C-alpha atoms as a PDB file:
ATOM      1  CA  MET A   1     151.601  72.591-160.594  1.00  0.00           C
ATOM      2  CA  ASP A   2     149.702  75.627-159.356  1.00  0.00           C
ATOM      3  CA  THR A   3     150.344  76.280-155.639  1.00  0.00           C
ATOM      4  CA  ALA A   4     147.102  78.228-155.271  1.00  0.00           C
ATOM      5  CA  ALA A   5     145.194  75.251-156.665  1.00  0.00           C
ATOM      6  CA  LEU A   6     146.977  72.933-154.200  1.00  0.00           C
ATOM      7  CA  VAL A   7     145.984  75.095-151.234  1.00  0.00           C
ATOM      8  CA  THR A   8     142.434  75.387-152.581  1.00  0.00           C
ATOM      9  CA  CYS A   9     142.219  71.626-153.031  1.00  0.00           C
ATOM     10  CA  ASP A  10     143.422  71.028-149.473  1.00  0.00           C
ATOM     11  CA  ILE A  11     140.748  73.381-148.126  1.00  0.00           C
ATOM     12  CA  VAL A  12     138.047  71.647-150.210  1.00  0.00           C
ATOM     13  CA  LEU A  13     139.118  68.284-148.791  1.00  0.00           C
ATOM     14  CA  ALA A  14     139.120  69.670-145.239  1.00  0.00           C
ATOM     15  CA  GLU A  15     135.737  71.392-145.644  1.00  0.00           C
ATOM     16  CA  ARG A  16     134.285  68.524-147.712  1.00  0.00           C
ATOM     17  CA  SER A  17     132.473  71.200-149.665  1.00  0.00           C
ATOM     18  CA  PHE A  18     133.119  73.453-152.648  1.00  0.00           C
ATOM     19  CA  ARG A  19     130.814  76.069-151.120  1.00  0.00           C
ATOM     20  CA  GLY A  20     132.474  75.916-147.705  1.00  0.00           C
ATOM     21  CA  ALA A  21     135.925  76.237-149.255  1.00  0.00           C
ATOM     22  CA  ALA A  22     134.756  79.068-151.517  1.00  0.00           C
ATOM     23  CA  ARG A  23     133.320  80.924-148.527  1.00  0.00           C
ATOM     24  CA  LYS A  24     136.545  80.442-146.553  1.00  0.00           C
ATOM     25  CA  LEU A  25     138.681  81.627-149.475  1.00  0.00           C
ATOM     26  CA  GLY A  26     136.407  84.437-150.608  1.00  0.00           C
ATOM     27  CA  ARG A  27     136.279  82.958-154.105  1.00  0.00           C
ATOM     28  CA  PRO A  28     133.433  81.895-156.409  1.00  0.00           C
ATOM     29  CA  VAL A  29     132.401  78.232-156.158  1.00  0.00           C
ATOM     30  CA  ALA A  30     133.181  77.732-159.861  1.00  0.00           C
ATOM     31  CA  THR A  31     136.758  78.942-159.313  1.00  0.00           C
ATOM     32  CA  VAL A  32     137.239  76.542-156.403  1.00  0.00           C
ATOM     33  CA  ALA A  33     135.782  73.609-158.357  1.00  0.00           C
ATOM     34  CA  SER A  34     137.987  74.461-161.334  1.00  0.00           C
ATOM     35  CA  ALA A  35     141.107  74.447-159.138  1.00  0.00           C
ATOM     36  CA  VAL A  36     140.239  70.968-157.854  1.00  0.00           C
ATOM     37  CA  ARG A  37     139.646  69.727-161.410  1.00  0.00           C
ATOM     38  CA  ARG A  38     143.072  71.073-162.457  1.00  0.00           C
ATOM     39  CA  ILE A  39     144.769  69.199-159.613  1.00  0.00           C
ATOM     40  CA  GLU A  40     142.809  66.049-160.487  1.00  0.00           C
ATOM     41  CA  ALA A  41     143.982  66.373-164.102  1.00  0.00           C
ATOM     42  CA  ASP A  42     147.606  66.981-163.033  1.00  0.00           C
ATOM     43  CA  LEU A  43     147.560  63.924-160.742  1.00  0.00           C
ATOM     44  CA  SER A  44     145.360  61.791-163.044  1.00  0.00           C
ATOM     45  CA  VAL A  45     143.110  60.829-160.116  1.00  0.00           C
ATOM     46  CA  ASP A  46     139.602  61.712-158.988  1.00  0.00           C
ATOM     47  CA  LEU A  47     139.701  63.429-155.602  1.00  0.00           C
ATOM     48  CA  VAL A  48     136.029  64.281-155.185  1.00  0.00           C
ATOM     49  CA  GLN A  49     132.720  63.064-156.534  1.00  0.00           C
ATOM     50  CA  GLY A  50     129.604  65.190-156.560  1.00  0.00           C
ATOM     51  CA  GLU A  51     126.362  63.618-155.427  1.00  0.00           C
ATOM     52  CA  GLY A  52     123.627  66.217-155.799  1.00  0.00           C
ATOM     53  CA  ASN A  53     124.420  68.980-153.325  1.00  0.00           C
ATOM     54  CA  SER A  54     126.894  66.860-151.365  1.00  0.00           C
ATOM     55  CA  LEU A  55     130.542  66.187-152.068  1.00  0.00           C
ATOM     56  CA  SER A  56     132.144  62.813-151.524  1.00  0.00           C
ATOM     57  CA  ILE A  57     135.894  62.493-150.946  1.00  0.00           C
ATOM     58  CA  THR A  58     137.476  59.550-152.789  1.00  0.00           C
ATOM     59  CA  LEU A  59     139.763  56.994-151.161  1.00  0.00           C
ATOM     60  CA  GLU A  60     142.650  58.389-153.203  1.00  0.00           C
ATOM     61  CA  ALA A  61     141.980  61.865-151.787  1.00  0.00           C
ATOM     62  CA  ARG A  62     141.965  60.462-148.255  1.00  0.00           C
ATOM     63  CA  ARG A  63     145.279  58.765-148.973  1.00  0.00           C
ATOM     64  CA  LEU A  64     146.741  62.059-150.252  1.00  0.00           C
ATOM     65  CA  ALA A  65     145.233  64.282-147.526  1.00  0.00           C
ATOM     66  CA  ASP A  66     148.414  64.395-145.406  1.00  0.00           C
ATOM     67  CA  THR A  67     150.488  65.242-148.471  1.00  0.00           C
ATOM     68  CA  PHE A  68     148.126  68.089-149.375  1.00  0.00           C
ATOM     69  CA  ALA A  69     148.303  69.371-145.792  1.00  0.00           C
ATOM     70  CA  ARG A  70     152.123  69.375-145.855  1.00  0.00           C
ATOM     71  CA  LEU A  71     152.126  71.183-149.201  1.00  0.00           C
ATOM     72  CA  ARG A  72     149.628  73.738-147.854  1.00  0.00           C
ATOM     73  CA  ASP A  73     151.765  74.307-144.766  1.00  0.00           C
ATOM     74  CA  GLY A  74     154.824  74.867-146.958  1.00  0.00           C
ATOM     75  CA  VAL A  75     152.984  77.344-149.166  1.00  0.00           C
ATOM     76  CA  LEU A  76     151.590  79.203-146.148  1.00  0.00           C
ATOM     77  CA  THR A  77     155.043  79.310-144.573  1.00  0.00           C
ATOM     78  CA  MET A  78     156.457  80.869-147.733  1.00  0.00           C
ATOM     79  CA  PHE A  79     153.562  83.238-148.427  1.00  0.00           C
ATOM     80  CA  GLY A  80     151.659  83.431-145.133  1.00  0.00           C
ATOM     81  CA  THR A  81     150.622  86.591-143.390  1.00  0.00           C
ATOM     82  CA  GLU A  82     152.335  88.063-140.351  1.00  0.00           C
ATOM     83  CA  ASP A  83     149.219  87.739-138.212  1.00  0.00           C
ATOM     84  CA  GLY A  84     148.920  84.015-138.986  1.00  0.00           C
ATOM     85  CA  ALA A  85     145.735  84.425-141.021  1.00  0.00           C
ATOM     86  CA  THR A  86     145.254  82.160-144.002  1.00  0.00           C
ATOM     87  CA  PRO A  87     146.054  84.211-147.083  1.00  0.00           C
ATOM     88  CA  ARG A  88     143.814  84.017-150.107  1.00  0.00           C
ATOM     89  CA  PRO A  89     145.752  81.824-152.564  1.00  0.00           C
ATOM     90  CA  THR A  90     147.051  83.804-155.509  1.00  0.00           C
ATOM     91  CA  PRO A  91     148.700  82.165-158.505  1.00  0.00           C
ATOM     92  CA  LEU A  92     152.407  82.897-158.420  1.00  0.00           C
ATOM     93  CA  CYS A  93     152.345  83.905-162.067  1.00  0.00           C
ATOM     94  CA  ALA A  94     150.149  86.865-161.104  1.00  0.00           C
ATOM     95  CA  GLY A  95     153.237  88.408-159.529  1.00  0.00           C
ATOM     96  CA  ARG A  96     151.434  89.755-156.469  1.00  0.00           C
ATOM     97  CA  ARG A  97     153.271  87.488-154.058  1.00  0.00           C
ATOM     98  CA  ARG A  98     156.694  87.619-155.647  1.00  0.00           C
ATOM     99  CA  PRO A  99     159.402  89.040-153.410  1.00  0.00           C
ATOM    100  CA  PRO A 100     160.903  92.303-154.658  1.00  0.00           C
ATOM    101  CA  CYS A 101     164.035  91.971-156.766  1.00  0.00           C
ATOM    102  CA  ARG A 102     167.143  92.939-154.899  1.00  0.00           C
ATOM    103  CA  SER A 103     170.592  93.447-156.301  1.00  0.00           C
ATOM    104  CA  PRO A 104     173.323  91.301-154.730  1.00  0.00           C
ATOM    105  CA  ARG A 105     175.611  93.120-152.322  1.00  0.00           C
END
């Protein structure tokens, strides 16, 4: 499961908005919506439902909200910034957040 998508999904649930989450993350709305759809597919549950310009959070998403928050906190602890700012989620496969390789001593 994609950690960046998990963090993105948690922010969407907190903001109750794809646009609000996209603004907070500095990402396009389509990218944010796609991340949520990937998590929904991985979990086989609907987390949000679009109703015109508004976004409705499903009961399943409310039930999972604490779990998403704990996962987000774990990801931010591992990859957070020194100043405490929320980092822009980056897929781990991109290699930009990988720690440098060190030879054992």
